[in-house]
PDB file of N, CA and C in Angstrom:
ATOM      1  N   UNK A   1       0.851  -1.194   0.000  1.00  0.00           N
ATOM      2  CA  UNK A   1       0.000   0.000   0.000  1.00  0.00           C
ATOM      3  C   UNK A   1       0.889   1.248   0.000  1.00  0.00           C
ATOM      4  N   UNK A   2       0.667   2.145  -0.945  1.00  0.00           N
ATOM      5  CA  UNK A   2       1.460   3.368  -1.012  1.00  0.00           C
ATOM      6  C   UNK A   2       0.676   4.531  -0.416  1.00  0.00           C
ATOM      7  N   UNK A   3       1.429   5.432   0.169  1.00  0.00           N
ATOM      8  CA  UNK A   3       0.825   6.619   0.756  1.00  0.00           C
ATOM      9  C   UNK A   3       0.812   7.720  -0.287  1.00  0.00           C
ATOM     10  N   UNK A   4      -0.342   8.367  -0.445  1.00  0.00           N
ATOM     11  CA  UNK A   4      -0.442   9.472  -1.395  1.00  0.00           C
ATOM     12  C   UNK A   4       0.313  10.677  -0.843  1.00  0.00           C
ATOM     13  N   UNK A   5       1.131  11.301  -1.683  1.00  0.00           N
ATOM     14  CA  UNK A   5       1.896  12.478  -1.294  1.00  0.00           C
ATOM     15  C   UNK A   5       1.309  13.715  -1.960  1.00  0.00           C
ATOM     16  N   UNK A   6       1.401  14.837  -1.256  1.00  0.00           N
ATOM     17  CA  UNK A   6       0.973  16.118  -1.819  1.00  0.00           C
ATOM     18  C   UNK A   6       2.146  17.088  -1.765  1.00  0.00           C
ATOM     19  N   UNK A   7       2.171  18.014  -2.706  1.00  0.00           N
ATOM     20  CA  UNK A   7       3.229  19.017  -2.767  1.00  0.00           C
ATOM     21  C   UNK A   7       2.777  20.273  -2.032  1.00  0.00           C
ATOM     22  N   UNK A   8       3.630  20.749  -1.120  1.00  0.00           N
ATOM     23  CA  UNK A   8       3.372  21.982  -0.372  1.00  0.00           C
ATOM     24  C   UNK A   8       4.670  22.785  -0.309  1.00  0.00           C
ATOM     25  N   UNK A   9       4.574  23.982   0.202  1.00  0.00           N
ATOM     26  CA  UNK A   9       5.759  24.815   0.406  1.00  0.00           C
ATOM     27  C   UNK A   9       5.852  25.187   1.878  1.00  0.00           C
ATOM     28  N   UNK A  10       7.081  25.408   2.332  1.00  0.00           N
ATOM     29  CA  UNK A  10       7.338  25.889   3.688  1.00  0.00           C
ATOM     30  C   UNK A  10       8.208  27.139   3.553  1.00  0.00           C
ATOM     31  N   UNK A  11       7.775  28.235   4.185  1.00  0.00           N
ATOM     32  CA  UNK A  11       8.474  29.514   4.028  1.00  0.00           C
ATOM     33  C   UNK A  11       8.856  30.102   5.386  1.00  0.00           C
ATOM     34  N   UNK A  12      10.048  30.718   5.413  1.00  0.00           N
ATOM     35  CA  UNK A  12      10.503  31.444   6.599  1.00  0.00           C
ATOM     36  C   UNK A  12      11.394  32.566   6.102  1.00  0.00           C
ATOM     37  N   UNK A  13      11.351  33.697   6.789  1.00  0.00           N
ATOM     38  CA  UNK A  13      12.142  34.836   6.333  1.00  0.00           C
ATOM     39  C   UNK A  13      12.698  35.626   7.508  1.00  0.00           C
ATOM     40  N   UNK A  14      13.938  36.018   7.354  1.00  0.00           N
ATOM     41  CA  UNK A  14      14.584  36.997   8.209  1.00  0.00           C
ATOM     42  C   UNK A  14      14.841  38.208   7.322  1.00  0.00           C
ATOM     43  N   UNK A  15      15.148  39.360   7.888  1.00  0.00           N
ATOM     44  CA  UNK A  15      15.392  40.522   7.032  1.00  0.00           C
ATOM     45  C   UNK A  15      16.483  40.278   5.972  1.00  0.00           C
ATOM     46  N   UNK A  16      17.479  39.475   6.312  1.00  0.00           N
ATOM     47  CA  UNK A  16      18.607  39.274   5.401  1.00  0.00           C
ATOM     48  C   UNK A  16      18.573  37.946   4.645  1.00  0.00           C
ATOM     49  N   UNK A  17      17.631  37.069   4.970  1.00  0.00           N
ATOM     50  CA  UNK A  17      17.610  35.745   4.346  1.00  0.00           C
ATOM     51  C   UNK A  17      16.186  35.201   4.334  1.00  0.00           C
ATOM     52  N   UNK A  18      15.762  34.702   3.178  1.00  0.00           N
ATOM     53  CA  UNK A  18      14.427  34.123   3.041  1.00  0.00           C
ATOM     54  C   UNK A  18      14.551  32.773   2.333  1.00  0.00           C
ATOM     55  N   UNK A  19      13.662  31.862   2.701  1.00  0.00           N
ATOM     56  CA  UNK A  19      13.634  30.566   2.029  1.00  0.00           C
ATOM     57  C   UNK A  19      12.185  30.109   1.843  1.00  0.00           C
ATOM     58  N   UNK A  20      11.909  29.580   0.670  1.00  0.00           N
ATOM     59  CA  UNK A  20      10.647  28.892   0.395  1.00  0.00           C
ATOM     60  C   UNK A  20      11.056  27.524  -0.154  1.00  0.00           C
ATOM     61  N   UNK A  21      10.709  26.488   0.599  1.00  0.00           N
ATOM     62  CA  UNK A  21      11.121  25.137   0.240  1.00  0.00           C
ATOM     63  C   UNK A  21       9.912  24.323  -0.200  1.00  0.00           C
ATOM     64  N   UNK A  22      10.073  23.598  -1.286  1.00  0.00           N
ATOM     65  CA  UNK A  22       9.020  22.690  -1.751  1.00  0.00           C
ATOM     66  C   UNK A  22       9.262  21.341  -1.084  1.00  0.00           C
ATOM     67  N   UNK A  23       8.174  20.726  -0.633  1.00  0.00           N
ATOM     68  CA  UNK A  23       8.301  19.443   0.055  1.00  0.00           C
ATOM     69  C   UNK A  23       7.078  18.575  -0.258  1.00  0.00           C
ATOM     70  N   UNK A  24       7.294  17.276  -0.318  1.00  0.00           N
ATOM     71  CA  UNK A  24       6.208  16.323  -0.486  1.00  0.00           C
ATOM     72  C   UNK A  24       5.912  15.710   0.879  1.00  0.00           C
ATOM     73  N   UNK A  25       4.644  15.738   1.257  1.00  0.00           N
ATOM     74  CA  UNK A  25       4.231  15.178   2.549  1.00  0.00           C
ATOM     75  C   UNK A  25       3.049  14.246   2.321  1.00  0.00           C
ATOM     76  N   UNK A  26       2.877  13.263   3.207  1.00  0.00           N
ATOM     77  CA  UNK A  26       1.718  12.386   3.072  1.00  0.00           C
ATOM     78  C   UNK A  26       0.414  13.145   3.312  1.00  0.00           C
ATOM     79  N   UNK A  27      -0.632  12.752   2.606  1.00  0.00           N
ATOM     80  CA  UNK A  27      -1.967  13.298   2.860  1.00  0.00           C
ATOM     81  C   UNK A  27      -2.262  13.086   4.344  1.00  0.00           C
ATOM     82  N   UNK A  28      -2.823  14.090   4.993  1.00  0.00           N
ATOM     83  CA  UNK A  28      -3.110  13.994   6.416  1.00  0.00           C
ATOM     84  C   UNK A  28      -2.037  14.597   7.297  1.00  0.00           C
ATOM     85  N   UNK A  29      -1.002  15.195   6.684  1.00  0.00           N
ATOM     86  CA  UNK A  29       0.063  15.840   7.452  1.00  0.00           C
ATOM     87  C   UNK A  29      -0.415  17.190   7.969  1.00  0.00           C
ATOM     88  N   UNK A  30       0.126  17.585   9.103  1.00  0.00           N
ATOM     89  CA  UNK A  30      -0.192  18.894   9.674  1.00  0.00           C
ATOM     90  C   UNK A  30       0.795  19.939   9.169  1.00  0.00           C
ATOM     91  N   UNK A  31       0.500  21.211   9.460  1.00  0.00           N
ATOM     92  CA  UNK A  31       1.439  22.285   9.136  1.00  0.00           C
ATOM     93  C   UNK A  31       2.786  21.996   9.786  1.00  0.00           C
ATOM     94  N   UNK A  32       2.734  21.608  11.053  1.00  0.00           N
ATOM     95  CA  UNK A  32       3.952  21.313  11.801  1.00  0.00           C
ATOM     96  C   UNK A  32       4.731  20.174  11.138  1.00  0.00           C
ATOM     97  N   UNK A  33       4.029  19.109  10.742  1.00  0.00           N
ATOM     98  CA  UNK A  33       4.683  17.972  10.085  1.00  0.00           C
ATOM     99  C   UNK A  33       5.424  18.428   8.823  1.00  0.00           C
ATOM    100  N   UNK A  34       4.769  19.266   8.028  1.00  0.00           N
ATOM    101  CA  UNK A  34       5.381  19.751   6.787  1.00  0.00           C
ATOM    102  C   UNK A  34       6.623  20.583   7.090  1.00  0.00           C
ATOM    103  N   UNK A  35       6.543  21.433   8.118  1.00  0.00           N
ATOM    104  CA  UNK A  35       7.698  22.262   8.485  1.00  0.00           C
ATOM    105  C   UNK A  35       8.871  21.392   8.921  1.00  0.00           C
ATOM    106  N   UNK A  36       8.585  20.374   9.709  1.00  0.00           N
ATOM    107  CA  UNK A  36       9.646  19.457  10.154  1.00  0.00           C
ATOM    108  C   UNK A  36      10.242  18.725   8.956  1.00  0.00           C
ATOM    109  N   UNK A  37       9.386  18.203   8.093  1.00  0.00           N
ATOM    110  CA  UNK A  37       9.847  17.431   6.930  1.00  0.00           C
ATOM    111  C   UNK A  37      10.721  18.278   5.999  1.00  0.00           C
ATOM    112  N   UNK A  38      10.477  19.581   5.950  1.00  0.00           N
ATOM    113  CA  UNK A  38      11.237  20.462   5.057  1.00  0.00           C
ATOM    114  C   UNK A  38      12.693  20.643   5.496  1.00  0.00           C
ATOM    115  N   UNK A  39      12.981  20.329   6.755  1.00  0.00           N
ATOM    116  CA  UNK A  39      14.326  20.549   7.331  1.00  0.00           C
ATOM    117  C   UNK A  39      14.742  22.010   7.306  1.00  0.00           C
ATOM    118  N   UNK A  40      13.788  22.916   7.340  1.00  0.00           N
ATOM    119  CA  UNK A  40      14.095  24.342   7.268  1.00  0.00           C
ATOM    120  C   UNK A  40      14.926  24.813   8.463  1.00  0.00           C
ATOM    121  N   UNK A  41      14.810  24.121   9.593  1.00  0.00           N
ATOM    122  CA  UNK A  41      15.587  24.517  10.781  1.00  0.00           C
ATOM    123  C   UNK A  41      17.081  24.412  10.531  1.00  0.00           C
ATOM    124  N   UNK A  42      17.498  23.587   9.590  1.00  0.00           N
ATOM    125  CA  UNK A  42      18.921  23.454   9.278  1.00  0.00           C
ATOM    126  C   UNK A  42      19.481  24.712   8.617  1.00  0.00           C
ATOM    127  N   UNK A  43      18.606  25.558   8.082  1.00  0.00           N
ATOM    128  CA  UNK A  43      19.053  26.762   7.379  1.00  0.00           C
ATOM    129  C   UNK A  43      18.960  28.030   8.222  1.00  0.00           C
ATOM    130  N   UNK A  44      18.330  27.943   9.402  1.00  0.00           N
ATOM    131  CA  UNK A  44      18.134  29.120  10.241  1.00  0.00           C
ATOM    132  C   UNK A  44      18.502  28.796  11.685  1.00  0.00           C
ATOM    133  N   UNK A  45      19.632  29.334  12.132  1.00  0.00           N
ATOM    134  CA  UNK A  45      20.077  29.123  13.505  1.00  0.00           C
ATOM    135  C   UNK A  45      19.044  29.715  14.462  1.00  0.00           C
ATOM    136  N   UNK A  46      18.644  28.941  15.446  1.00  0.00           N
ATOM    137  CA  UNK A  46      17.729  29.437  16.461  1.00  0.00           C
ATOM    138  C   UNK A  46      16.249  29.261  16.144  1.00  0.00           C
ATOM    139  N   UNK A  47      15.908  28.784  14.961  1.00  0.00           N
ATOM    140  CA  UNK A  47      14.500  28.564  14.623  1.00  0.00           C
ATOM    141  C   UNK A  47      13.998  27.345  15.385  1.00  0.00           C
ATOM    142  N   UNK A  48      12.968  27.534  16.202  1.00  0.00           N
ATOM    143  CA  UNK A  48      12.396  26.448  17.005  1.00  0.00           C
ATOM    144  C   UNK A  48      10.953  26.220  16.555  1.00  0.00           C
ATOM    145  N   UNK A  49      10.733  25.149  15.827  1.00  0.00           N
ATOM    146  CA  UNK A  49       9.394  24.871  15.306  1.00  0.00           C
ATOM    147  C   UNK A  49       8.390  24.568  16.413  1.00  0.00           C
ATOM    148  N   UNK A  50       8.862  24.099  17.552  1.00  0.00           N
ATOM    149  CA  UNK A  50       7.958  23.805  18.672  1.00  0.00           C
ATOM    150  C   UNK A  50       7.278  25.060  19.197  1.00  0.00           C
ATOM    151  N   UNK A  51       7.964  26.195  19.123  1.00  0.00           N
ATOM    152  CA  UNK A  51       7.415  27.440  19.680  1.00  0.00           C
ATOM    153  C   UNK A  51       7.020  28.460  18.618  1.00  0.00           C
ATOM    154  N   UNK A  52       7.391  28.218  17.362  1.00  0.00           N
ATOM    155  CA  UNK A  52       7.124  29.188  16.295  1.00  0.00           C
ATOM    156  C   UNK A  52       5.635  29.227  15.945  1.00  0.00           C
ATOM    157  N   UNK A  53       5.149  30.421  15.640  1.00  0.00           N
ATOM    158  CA  UNK A  53       3.793  30.581  15.108  1.00  0.00           C
ATOM    159  C   UNK A  53       3.826  30.208  13.631  1.00  0.00           C
ATOM    160  N   UNK A  54       2.732  29.621  13.162  1.00  0.00           N
ATOM    161  CA  UNK A  54       2.641  29.220  11.758  1.00  0.00           C
ATOM    162  C   UNK A  54       1.278  29.580  11.205  1.00  0.00           C
ATOM    163  N   UNK A  55       1.238  29.713   9.893  1.00  0.00           N
ATOM    164  CA  UNK A  55      -0.015  29.995   9.233  1.00  0.00           C
ATOM    165  C   UNK A  55       0.036  29.539   7.791  1.00  0.00           C
ATOM    166  N   UNK A  56      -1.039  29.817   7.076  1.00  0.00           N
ATOM    167  CA  UNK A  56      -1.141  29.481   5.655  1.00  0.00           C
ATOM    168  C   UNK A  56      -1.566  30.738   4.919  1.00  0.00           C
ATOM    169  N   UNK A  57      -0.742  31.165   3.973  1.00  0.00           N
ATOM    170  CA  UNK A  57      -1.029  32.334   3.143  1.00  0.00           C
ATOM    171  C   UNK A  57      -1.461  33.542   3.981  1.00  0.00           C
ATOM    172  N   UNK A  58      -0.701  33.844   5.041  1.00  0.00           N
ATOM    173  CA  UNK A  58      -0.946  35.037   5.843  1.00  0.00           C
ATOM    174  C   UNK A  58      -1.992  34.893   6.927  1.00  0.00           C
ATOM    175  N   UNK A  59      -2.589  33.738   7.069  1.00  0.00           N
ATOM    176  CA  UNK A  59      -3.605  33.533   8.106  1.00  0.00           C
ATOM    177  C   UNK A  59      -3.023  32.658   9.215  1.00  0.00           C
ATOM    178  N   UNK A  60      -2.893  33.230  10.396  1.00  0.00           N
ATOM    179  CA  UNK A  60      -2.332  32.517  11.541  1.00  0.00           C
ATOM    180  C   UNK A  60      -3.207  31.329  11.918  1.00  0.00           C
ATOM    181  N   UNK A  61      -2.578  30.211  12.152  1.00  0.00           N
ATOM    182  CA  UNK A  61      -3.278  29.005  12.605  1.00  0.00           C
ATOM    183  C   UNK A  61      -2.952  28.802  14.077  1.00  0.00           C
ATOM    184  N   UNK A  62      -3.972  28.660  14.901  1.00  0.00           N
ATOM    185  CA  UNK A  62      -3.771  28.557  16.346  1.00  0.00           C
ATOM    186  C   UNK A  62      -3.071  27.271  16.753  1.00  0.00           C
ATOM    187  N   UNK A  63      -3.332  26.182  16.051  1.00  0.00           N
ATOM    188  CA  UNK A  63      -2.699  24.919  16.412  1.00  0.00           C
ATOM    189  C   UNK A  63      -2.124  24.235  15.177  1.00  0.00           C
ATOM    190  N   UNK A  64      -0.882  24.593  14.813  1.00  0.00           N
ATOM    191  CA  UNK A  64      -0.293  24.035  13.596  1.00  0.00           C
ATOM    192  C   UNK A  64      -0.057  22.524  13.655  1.00  0.00           C
ATOM    193  N   UNK A  65      -0.085  21.941  14.848  1.00  0.00           N
ATOM    194  CA  UNK A  65       0.088  20.485  14.948  1.00  0.00           C
ATOM    195  C   UNK A  65      -1.205  19.742  14.620  1.00  0.00           C
ATOM    196  N   UNK A  66      -2.330  20.447  14.638  1.00  0.00           N
ATOM    197  CA  UNK A  66      -3.610  19.813  14.327  1.00  0.00           C
ATOM    198  C   UNK A  66      -4.161  20.223  12.965  1.00  0.00           C
ATOM    199  N   UNK A  67      -3.782  21.407  12.483  1.00  0.00           N
ATOM    200  CA  UNK A  67      -4.317  21.910  11.204  1.00  0.00           C
ATOM    201  C   UNK A  67      -3.682  21.137  10.054  1.00  0.00           C
ATOM    202  N   UNK A  68      -4.490  20.387   9.324  1.00  0.00           N
ATOM    203  CA  UNK A  68      -3.982  19.599   8.203  1.00  0.00           C
ATOM    204  C   UNK A  68      -3.722  20.499   7.008  1.00  0.00           C
ATOM    205  N   UNK A  69      -2.656  20.185   6.302  1.00  0.00           N
ATOM    206  CA  UNK A  69      -2.287  20.974   5.131  1.00  0.00           C
ATOM    207  C   UNK A  69      -2.848  20.311   3.877  1.00  0.00           C
ATOM    208  N   UNK A  70      -3.208  21.148   2.927  1.00  0.00           N
ATOM    209  CA  UNK A  70      -3.748  20.677   1.653  1.00  0.00           C
ATOM    210  C   UNK A  70      -2.731  20.908   0.542  1.00  0.00           C
ATOM    211  N   UNK A  71      -2.855  20.147  -0.513  1.00  0.00           N
ATOM    212  CA  UNK A  71      -1.964  20.276  -1.660  1.00  0.00           C
ATOM    213  C   UNK A  71      -1.935  21.726  -2.141  1.00  0.00           C
ATOM    214  N   UNK A  72      -0.739  22.219  -2.420  1.00  0.00           N
ATOM    215  CA  UNK A  72      -0.580  23.565  -2.959  1.00  0.00           C
ATOM    216  C   UNK A  72      -0.517  24.671  -1.929  1.00  0.00           C
ATOM    217  N   UNK A  73      -0.761  24.363  -0.659  1.00  0.00           N
ATOM    218  CA  UNK A  73      -0.704  25.411   0.371  1.00  0.00           C
ATOM    219  C   UNK A  73       0.747  25.689   0.762  1.00  0.00           C
ATOM    220  N   UNK A  74       0.938  26.859   1.361  1.00  0.00           N
ATOM    221  CA  UNK A  74       2.263  27.258   1.824  1.00  0.00           C
ATOM    222  C   UNK A  74       2.223  27.465   3.332  1.00  0.00           C
ATOM    223  N   UNK A  75       3.014  26.695   4.057  1.00  0.00           N
ATOM    224  CA  UNK A  75       3.175  26.893   5.494  1.00  0.00           C
ATOM    225  C   UNK A  75       4.109  28.076   5.682  1.00  0.00           C
ATOM    226  N   UNK A  76       3.655  29.073   6.411  1.00  0.00           N
ATOM    227  CA  UNK A  76       4.501  30.224   6.723  1.00  0.00           C
ATOM    228  C   UNK A  76       4.856  30.155   8.198  1.00  0.00           C
ATOM    229  N   UNK A  77       6.135  30.247   8.472  1.00  0.00           N
ATOM    230  CA  UNK A  77       6.620  30.247   9.844  1.00  0.00           C
ATOM    231  C   UNK A  77       6.907  31.698  10.188  1.00  0.00           C
ATOM    232  N   UNK A  78       6.276  32.180  11.262  1.00  0.00           N
ATOM    233  CA  UNK A  78       6.365  33.603  11.612  1.00  0.00           C
ATOM    234  C   UNK A  78       7.379  33.853  12.712  1.00  0.00           C
ATOM    235  N   UNK A  79       8.103  34.957  12.566  1.00  0.00           N
ATOM    236  CA  UNK A  79       9.031  35.412  13.615  1.00  0.00           C
ATOM    237  C   UNK A  79       8.236  36.149  14.677  1.00  0.00           C
ATOM    238  N   UNK A  80       8.750  36.160  15.921  1.00  0.00           N
ATOM    239  CA  UNK A  80       8.077  36.978  16.949  1.00  0.00           C
ATOM    240  C   UNK A  80       8.165  38.456  16.577  1.00  0.00           C
ATOM    241  N   UNK A  81       7.121  39.207  16.911  1.00  0.00           N
ATOM    242  CA  UNK A  81       7.140  40.641  16.635  1.00  0.00           C
ATOM    243  C   UNK A  81       8.072  41.343  17.618  1.00  0.00           C
ATOM    244  N   UNK A  82       8.845  42.283  17.103  1.00  0.00           N
ATOM    245  CA  UNK A  82       9.721  43.070  17.969  1.00  0.00           C
ATOM    246  C   UNK A  82       8.899  44.143  18.672  1.00  0.00           C
ATOM    247  N   UNK A  83       8.026  44.793  17.929  1.00  0.00           N
ATOM    248  CA  UNK A  83       7.148  45.824  18.476  1.00  0.00           C
ATOM    249  C   UNK A  83       5.704  45.414  18.271  1.00  0.00           C
ATOM    250  N   UNK A  84       4.877  45.674  19.263  1.00  0.00           N
ATOM    251  CA  UNK A  84       3.444  45.442  19.128  1.00  0.00           C
ATOM    252  C   UNK A  84       2.892  46.533  18.210  1.00  0.00           C
ATOM    253  N   UNK A  85       2.264  46.177  17.085  1.00  0.00           N
ATOM    254  CA  UNK A  85       1.768  47.188  16.146  1.00  0.00           C
ATOM    255  C   UNK A  85       0.810  48.192  16.787  1.00  0.00           C
ATOM    256  N   UNK A  86      -0.039  47.741  17.701  1.00  0.00           N
ATOM    257  CA  UNK A  86      -0.969  48.671  18.368  1.00  0.00           C
ATOM    258  C   UNK A  86      -0.209  49.705  19.190  1.00  0.00           C
ATOM    259  N   UNK A  87       0.786  49.235  19.920  1.00  0.00           N
ATOM    260  CA  UNK A  87       1.571  50.150  20.746  1.00  0.00           C
ATOM    261  C   UNK A  87       2.355  51.136  19.872  1.00  0.00           C
ATOM    262  N   UNK A  88       2.869  50.672  18.750  1.00  0.00           N
ATOM    263  CA  UNK A  88       3.605  51.546  17.836  1.00  0.00           C
ATOM    264  C   UNK A  88       2.686  52.640  17.286  1.00  0.00           C
ATOM    265  N   UNK A  89       1.450  52.289  16.922  1.00  0.00           N
ATOM    266  CA  UNK A  89       0.490  53.291  16.424  1.00  0.00           C
ATOM    267  C   UNK A  89       0.156  54.307  17.508  1.00  0.00           C
ATOM    268  N   UNK A  90      -0.061  53.826  18.729  1.00  0.00           N
ATOM    269  CA  UNK A  90      -0.362  54.749  19.847  1.00  0.00           C
ATOM    270  C   UNK A  90       0.788  55.728  20.065  1.00  0.00           C
ATOM    271  N   UNK A  91       2.008  55.222  20.021  1.00  0.00           N
ATOM    272  CA  UNK A  91       3.171  56.084  20.236  1.00  0.00           C
ATOM    273  C   UNK A  91       3.281  57.131  19.124  1.00  0.00           C
ATOM    274  N   UNK A  92       3.034  56.731  17.873  1.00  0.00           N
ATOM    275  CA  UNK A  92       3.079  57.698  16.760  1.00  0.00           C
ATOM    276  C   UNK A  92       2.006  58.757  16.925  1.00  0.00           C
ATOM    277  N   UNK A  93       0.806  58.336  17.289  1.00  0.00           N
ATOM    278  CA  UNK A  93      -0.300  59.287  17.479  1.00  0.00           C
ATOM    279  C   UNK A  93       0.014  60.262  18.605  1.00  0.00           C
ATOM    280  N   UNK A  94       0.614  59.768  19.674  1.00  0.00           N
ATOM    281  CA  UNK A  94       0.967  60.640  20.801  1.00  0.00           C
ATOM    282  C   UNK A  94       2.020  61.657  20.374  1.00  0.00           C
ATOM    283  N   UNK A  95       2.997  61.239  19.573  1.00  0.00           N
ATOM    284  CA  UNK A  95       4.029  62.179  19.092  1.00  0.00           C
ATOM    285  C   UNK A  95       3.416  63.250  18.199  1.00  0.00           C
ATOM    286  N   UNK A  96       2.503  62.861  17.311  1.00  0.00           N
ATOM    287  CA  UNK A  96       1.850  63.815  16.418  1.00  0.00           C
ATOM    288  C   UNK A  96       1.045  64.823  17.244  1.00  0.00           C
ATOM    289  N   UNK A  97       0.299  64.331  18.203  1.00  0.00           N
ATOM    290  CA  UNK A  97      -0.509  65.210  19.055  1.00  0.00           C
ATOM    291  C   UNK A  97       0.371  66.183  19.820  1.00  0.00           C
ATOM    292  N   UNK A  98       1.495  65.679  20.344  1.00  0.00           N
ATOM    293  CA  UNK A  98       2.428  66.524  21.090  1.00  0.00           C
ATOM    294  C   UNK A  98       3.026  67.602  20.196  1.00  0.00           C
ATOM    295  N   UNK A  99       3.385  67.235  18.949  1.00  0.00           N
ATOM    296  CA  UNK A  99       3.964  68.200  18.021  1.00  0.00           C
ATOM    297  C   UNK A  99       2.950  69.259  17.598  1.00  0.00           C
ATOM    298  N   UNK A 100       1.668  68.889  17.516  1.00  0.00           N
ATOM    299  CA  UNK A 100       0.637  69.829  17.113  1.00  0.00           C
ATOM    300  C   UNK A 100       0.352  70.849  18.231  1.00  0.00           C
ATOM    301  N   UNK A 101       0.516  70.425  19.459  1.00  0.00           N
ATOM    302  CA  UNK A 101       0.217  71.343  20.583  1.00  0.00           C
ATOM    303  C   UNK A 101       1.417  72.221  20.937  1.00  0.00           C
ATOM    304  N   UNK A 102       2.559  71.980  20.335  1.00  0.00           N
ATOM    305  CA  UNK A 102       3.760  72.768  20.631  1.00  0.00           C
ATOM    306  C   UNK A 102       3.796  74.057  19.847  1.00  0.00           C
TER     307      UNK A 102
END
């Protein structure tokens, strides 16, 4: 009995280095399974798939170990945010307000 394989991509990016790897995984594989199978951790020092956030085409998946991947999808591994976008917007708005009142 042969296992049906599907083609997917696994992507990760740092400011100075990006990789999108094509990988074949068995039908029924999770996002996490595909990321592990891609061996992408070998190309990025410090990348920990156990703790990394993952998604598909820009949509964050809450549980990448349970979310099954479909043929043609791209697993995206996300870096932690350095700045909270909401806090950054608040700080910019406060600076603008301060400059207007000066």
